[in-house]
Every structure is written in structure tokens, then in C-alpha cells.
Protein backbone atom coordinates (compact mmCIF):
# COMPACT_ATOMS: atom_id res chain seq x y z
CA MET A 1 10.29 -19.41 -14.36
CA TYR A 2 9.11 -22.09 -12.17
CA VAL A 3 9.30 -21.24 -8.38
CA PRO A 4 8.43 -24.54 -6.53
CA ARG A 5 5.99 -24.12 -3.55
CA SER A 6 8.28 -26.21 -1.72
CA HIS A 7 11.38 -23.39 -1.66
CA PRO A 8 12.29 -21.62 1.58
CA ARG A 9 11.80 -18.16 0.06
CA TYR A 10 8.78 -19.00 -2.31
CA ARG A 11 6.75 -16.16 -1.77
CA SER A 12 9.84 -13.70 -1.90
CA LEU A 13 11.17 -15.20 -5.36
CA LEU A 14 7.31 -15.25 -7.05
CA ALA A 15 7.43 -11.53 -6.12
CA ARG A 16 10.55 -11.20 -8.06
CA GLU A 17 9.03 -12.92 -10.94
CA ARG A 18 6.12 -10.62 -10.74
CA LEU A 19 7.90 -7.63 -10.75
CA LYS A 20 9.98 -8.81 -13.81
CA GLU A 21 7.09 -9.67 -16.02
CA GLY A 22 5.75 -5.99 -14.83
CA PHE A 23 8.71 -4.67 -16.09
CA GLU A 24 8.54 -6.73 -19.42
CA LYS A 25 5.25 -5.40 -19.63
CA GLY A 26 5.78 -1.76 -18.85
CA LEU A 27 4.11 -1.82 -15.63
CA VAL A 28 7.37 -1.38 -13.45
CA ILE A 29 10.14 0.84 -14.47
CA GLU A 30 13.71 0.10 -12.89
CA GLN A 31 13.63 2.74 -10.24
CA GLY A 32 10.51 0.32 -9.08
CA LEU A 33 12.62 -3.01 -9.24
CA ILE A 34 15.35 -0.73 -6.78
CA ALA A 35 12.78 0.34 -4.55
CA HIS A 36 11.41 -3.56 -4.06
CA GLY A 37 15.07 -4.69 -3.44
CA ARG A 38 15.18 -2.17 -0.70
CA GLY A 39 12.03 -3.15 0.88
CA GLU A 40 13.09 -6.71 1.04
CA ALA A 41 16.04 -6.12 3.19
CA PHE A 42 13.90 -4.66 5.93
CA ASP A 43 11.35 -7.78 5.10
CA TYR A 44 14.42 -10.11 6.37
CA ILE A 45 14.93 -7.99 9.40
CA LEU A 46 11.12 -8.58 10.24
CA GLY A 47 11.58 -12.15 9.84
CA GLU A 48 9.40 -12.20 6.33
CA ARG A 49 6.47 -12.75 8.63
CA THR A 50 3.50 -10.50 9.67
CA ILE A 51 4.38 -9.29 13.31
CA PRO A 52 2.05 -8.25 15.97
CA ALA A 53 2.65 -4.19 15.58
CA ALA A 54 1.81 -5.11 11.73
CA ALA A 55 -1.18 -7.00 12.54
CA ARG A 56 -2.38 -4.09 14.61
CA ALA A 57 -2.24 -1.08 11.94
CA GLU A 58 -3.74 -3.42 9.12
CA ASN A 59 -6.88 -3.90 11.59
CA ALA A 60 -6.62 -0.18 12.10
CA ALA A 61 -6.24 0.57 8.32
CA ALA A 62 -9.49 -1.74 7.85
CA ALA A 63 -11.30 0.40 10.43
CA PHE A 64 -10.32 3.58 8.85
CA LEU A 65 -11.51 2.35 5.58
CA VAL A 66 -14.66 0.88 6.59
CA LEU A 67 -15.50 4.34 8.60
CA ALA A 68 -14.55 6.33 5.36
CA GLU A 69 -17.24 8.34 3.63
CA ASN A 70 -14.87 8.15 0.17
CA PRO A 71 -12.41 5.86 0.67
CA VAL A 72 -9.64 5.74 -2.58
CA ILE A 73 -6.90 2.86 -2.99
CA SER A 74 -3.89 4.41 -4.93
CA VAL A 75 -2.28 2.07 -7.20
CA ASN A 76 1.35 2.22 -8.93
CA GLY A 77 3.35 -0.21 -11.17
CA ASN A 78 4.65 -2.41 -8.29
CA VAL A 79 1.34 -2.36 -6.70
CA ALA A 80 -0.21 -3.31 -9.95
CA ALA A 81 2.40 -5.81 -10.88
CA LEU A 82 2.58 -7.59 -7.46
CA ALA A 83 -1.00 -7.75 -6.28
CA ALA A 84 -3.63 -6.70 -8.75
CA ARG A 85 -6.07 -9.24 -7.80
CA GLU A 86 -5.62 -8.73 -4.11
CA VAL A 87 -6.10 -4.92 -4.49
CA VAL A 88 -9.03 -5.31 -6.66
CA LYS A 89 -10.65 -7.57 -4.03
CA LEU A 90 -9.99 -5.37 -1.04
CA SER A 91 -11.51 -2.36 -3.07
CA LYS A 92 -14.64 -4.13 -3.67
CA SER A 93 -14.69 -5.21 0.04
CA VAL A 94 -14.77 -1.74 1.44
CA PRO A 95 -15.87 -0.62 -1.51
CA ALA A 96 -13.19 1.97 -2.23
CA ILE A 97 -12.40 3.77 -5.77
CA LEU A 98 -9.37 2.43 -7.34
CA GLU A 99 -6.85 5.00 -8.84
CA VAL A 100 -3.71 5.06 -10.66
CA ASN A 101 -1.25 7.25 -9.29
CA LEU A 102 2.42 7.11 -10.49
CA PHE A 103 5.54 8.72 -9.21
CA TYR A 104 7.01 8.61 -12.95
CA ARG A 105 4.05 9.18 -14.85
CA THR A 106 3.77 8.61 -18.71
CA GLU A 107 0.16 8.29 -20.27
CA LYS A 108 1.30 4.71 -21.28
CA ARG A 109 2.44 3.59 -18.13
CA VAL A 110 -1.23 4.87 -16.86
CA GLN A 111 -3.00 2.93 -19.35
CA LYS A 112 -0.97 -0.08 -18.48
CA VAL A 113 -1.53 -0.11 -14.92
CA ALA A 114 -5.21 0.71 -15.57
CA GLU A 115 -5.61 -2.31 -17.91
CA CYS A 116 -3.89 -4.66 -15.62
CA LEU A 117 -6.67 -3.69 -13.10
CA ARG A 118 -9.52 -3.98 -15.37
CA ALA A 119 -8.10 -7.55 -16.07
CA ALA A 120 -8.07 -8.53 -12.68
CA GLY A 121 -11.46 -7.54 -12.17
CA ALA A 122 -11.87 -3.97 -11.55
CA LYS A 123 -15.17 -2.51 -13.02
CA GLU A 124 -14.11 1.15 -12.96
CA VAL A 125 -10.44 2.78 -12.47
CA LEU A 126 -9.60 6.64 -12.31
CA GLY A 127 -6.55 8.28 -12.76
CA THR A 128 -6.33 7.85 -16.70
CA THR A 129 -7.93 11.53 -17.05
CA PRO A 130 -6.66 13.26 -14.20
CA ASP A 131 -8.61 16.80 -13.79
CA ALA A 132 -7.35 17.99 -10.34
CA ARG A 133 -3.86 18.12 -8.63
CA ILE A 134 -2.18 17.47 -5.21
CA PRO A 135 -1.25 20.84 -3.89
CA GLY A 136 2.41 21.43 -3.94
CA PHE A 137 3.43 19.60 -6.99
CA ARG A 138 3.70 21.33 -10.08
CA SER A 139 4.94 18.42 -12.08
CA LYS A 140 2.96 15.51 -13.50
CA ARG A 141 3.70 13.46 -10.17
CA GLY A 142 0.59 15.91 -8.66
CA LEU A 143 -2.08 14.87 -10.98
CA CYS A 144 -5.08 13.29 -9.65
CA SER A 145 -8.64 12.96 -9.97
CA ARG A 146 -11.30 15.18 -8.63
CA ASP A 147 -13.74 12.25 -7.56
CA GLY A 148 -10.87 9.90 -6.33
CA ILE A 149 -7.74 10.86 -4.23
CA TYR A 150 -8.41 14.78 -4.47
CA SER A 151 -11.63 14.37 -2.76
CA ALA A 152 -10.97 11.09 -0.85
CA ASP A 153 -10.97 11.49 3.11
CA VAL A 154 -8.81 8.19 3.44
CA VAL A 155 -6.37 7.14 1.12
CA LEU A 156 -5.01 3.81 1.10
CA VAL A 157 -0.93 4.34 -0.58
CA PRO A 158 1.06 1.06 -0.70
CA LEU A 159 4.53 1.63 -1.53
CA GLU A 160 3.84 5.28 -2.35
CA ASP A 161 7.14 8.23 -1.76
CA GLY A 162 7.15 10.41 0.79
CA ASP A 163 6.40 13.95 -0.92
CA ARG A 164 3.07 12.50 -1.55
CA ALA A 165 2.41 11.10 1.41
CA GLU A 166 3.14 14.40 3.52
CA ALA A 167 1.09 16.09 0.86
CA LEU A 168 -1.86 14.13 1.27
CA SER A 169 -1.68 14.24 4.82
CA ARG A 170 -1.25 18.22 4.88
CA MET A 171 -4.74 18.21 2.81
CA GLY A 172 -6.15 16.79 6.10
CA LYS A 173 -6.80 13.30 4.32
CA VAL A 174 -6.10 10.18 6.70
CA VAL A 175 -3.09 8.41 4.90
CA LEU A 176 -3.12 4.81 5.32
CA ALA A 177 0.75 3.46 3.85
CA VAL A 178 2.20 0.13 3.50
CA ASP A 179 5.90 0.46 3.83
CA LEU A 180 8.31 -1.67 4.80
CA ASN A 181 10.87 0.97 5.94
CA PRO A 182 9.53 2.18 9.42
CA MET A 183 11.67 5.07 9.55
CA SER A 184 10.62 6.50 5.68
CA ARG A 185 9.00 9.50 5.31
CA THR A 186 5.86 8.21 4.31
CA SER A 187 5.85 5.57 7.59
CA ILE A 188 6.07 8.96 9.66
CA ALA A 189 3.88 10.98 7.73
CA ALA A 190 0.72 8.26 7.50
CA THR A 191 -1.80 8.21 9.75
CA VAL A 192 -1.75 4.55 9.85
CA THR A 193 1.64 2.77 8.39
CA ILE A 194 1.42 -1.05 7.79
CA VAL A 195 5.12 -2.43 7.98
CA ASN A 196 4.48 -5.42 6.34
CA GLU A 197 5.18 -6.87 2.64
CA LEU A 198 2.57 -6.18 0.23
CA THR A 199 1.07 -9.18 -0.71
CA ARG A 200 0.65 -10.31 3.21
CA THR A 201 -0.88 -7.14 4.18
CA LEU A 202 -3.61 -6.91 1.47
CA PRO A 203 -5.57 -10.37 2.14
CA ASP A 204 -5.12 -9.31 6.18
CA VAL A 205 -6.75 -6.09 5.23
CA THR A 206 -9.66 -7.61 3.21
CA LYS A 207 -10.63 -9.89 5.88
CA ALA A 208 -10.52 -7.13 8.79
CA VAL A 209 -12.54 -5.13 6.76
CA ARG A 210 -15.05 -8.03 6.35
CA ARG A 211 -14.95 -8.50 10.03
CA MET A 212 -15.15 -4.37 10.63
CA LYS A 213 -18.11 -4.05 8.54
CA ARG A 214 -20.21 -6.18 10.68
CA PHE A 215 -19.04 -4.53 13.87
CA ARG A 216 -18.88 -0.81 13.23
CA ALA A 217 -18.46 0.29 16.81
CA SER A 218 -15.50 -2.04 16.94
CA ALA A 219 -14.26 -0.02 13.97
CA ARG A 220 -14.81 3.18 15.89
CA ARG A 221 -12.90 2.01 18.61
CA VAL A 222 -9.72 0.79 16.83
CA ALA A 223 -9.44 4.05 14.66
CA SER A 224 -9.53 6.61 17.57
CA SER A 225 -7.16 4.38 19.68
CA PHE A 226 -4.44 3.80 17.33
CA ASP A 227 -1.07 5.69 17.59
CA ASN A 228 1.13 5.42 14.69
CA LYS A 229 3.95 6.70 16.64
CA ALA A 230 3.84 4.04 19.30
CA ASN A 231 3.20 1.27 16.73
CA LEU A 232 6.42 2.26 14.36
CA SER A 233 8.33 2.36 17.83
CA ALA A 234 7.11 -1.04 18.56
CA VAL A 235 8.08 -2.40 14.95
CA LEU A 236 11.80 -0.68 15.67
CA LYS A 237 11.95 -2.74 19.04
CA HIS A 238 11.15 -5.95 17.20
CA MET A 239 13.52 -5.35 14.39
CA ASN A 240 16.26 -4.40 17.09
CA ALA A 241 15.59 -7.19 19.00
CA ARG A 242 15.59 -9.78 15.96
CA LEU A 243 19.23 -8.22 15.09
CA SER A 244 20.32 -8.66 18.46
CA SER A 245 19.01 -12.19 18.65
CA ILE A 246 20.86 -12.80 15.45
CA SER A 247 23.66 -11.83 15.93
CA ARG A 248 24.76 -13.65 19.37
């Protein structure tokens, strides 16, 4: 499907088309399509733009990534379908390990997501041969790589589910989330929650990482001063104000 750039909702329609293609390739499953639609509803309320609170969270996430000893980016099917090149570019900028981690895990899907990342330029992708488990998960949902998510001090988890975000937080990790729902368990459990659409977020964080690497003292100040609860409150106030203005 051709989406003209002049269309007022070009980015949204392009994302839908990428997810459709990802579904046809076996990267995305039906539940992932539902999750995306739910996120779009929140993006409408945000005004489909990066609000100031999201920009602050993006800077904080970049700071934590730059300061990390073993940063990891967790990638699921939706992330691969929507932004494989962008997530690979971010991983190289940090640099951070890429690991495939799926809620509905099958070995076939894991391989497809890994192949998608390699096609986008990734040199190494973990997660295809898991050798560790996130505590609290007896099913395949808890499988991970010991050299990746299991031993990471900072984990970026775009479009993650609440159970695993909470479990990673209990492990003592800095959890960086990208979630359009500021009220989700993922958003509340994370150290930093970026309430923004994924394809807007990743390039912003990549730019911030490059800037923070030049000014590490600034990165330390940003990371130490960030208050996720206060920032989520600012997001909710923005949403409330926008809804109020629209309803007049």
C-alpha cells in the first residue's frame, strides 16, 4: 500500500503498514496488532507528538544508557517490524547488546526477529539460544541470555509487558520503557518511562546518546535527578489538559 507523505496521518498509516507486513512475515502476532491499536489511542490524546515530558524521559534514558556498564535493548516482534533500523542504529550508538525477547515465544519467531535485525545491520543478536531465566517465570516468557538481559545493569524494553518490566525491576536493573500508556504496569515499574510513539522515540534517544557521550558529567546529572513518578504525572496532566481543550 502506498502512503503519500502529504497525508495528515502519514506516520500512523506507515506504522500500520509496517505491522501488517510484519504480521505477514511472522514477526508480529495478532495480539501485537491489538497492542499497537491500544497505544495509538493514547497517542491521539498526546496529539501525536513528542511532548516535553517525553523529551525529558528520552534524555534520561540516553543518560542511563551512556553510563551503563552492560546496557541491553530488548526487541520483540512489534519493535522489529516498526523500527528495526532505528533500534540497530541506537544499539551501535551506545553501544548496547540487542536481545530478542518475546511474550508469545516460539523458536521460529525468535529466529525471524533476529534475522530482521541482522538485515537491518546488527552484527550480533542474542536471545536465539537462551541460557538463563528471569526469576518468577516458569514458562518460555522468562527465557533470556546470561550475557544479555540477565546480566544487564540497564535494559531498554520498548513495548514491554508489565510482568517482565516488574520482574526486571525486582532484579535491581534500571528499566527504560517506551510505553504510550502512562498508567500501565510497565510505565509504573520502570525507572524511566518514555510516553511516546516508538518511531519518534528511537531517533531522539540516539541523538541524545551521542550528545551525552560528549558530556558525561551532564549525563550523570540528568540520570540522578530524573523522577519517573513526577514525569508520569506531567504526562497525565498534559493529556487531561488536551482532552479538556478539545471538549470545549
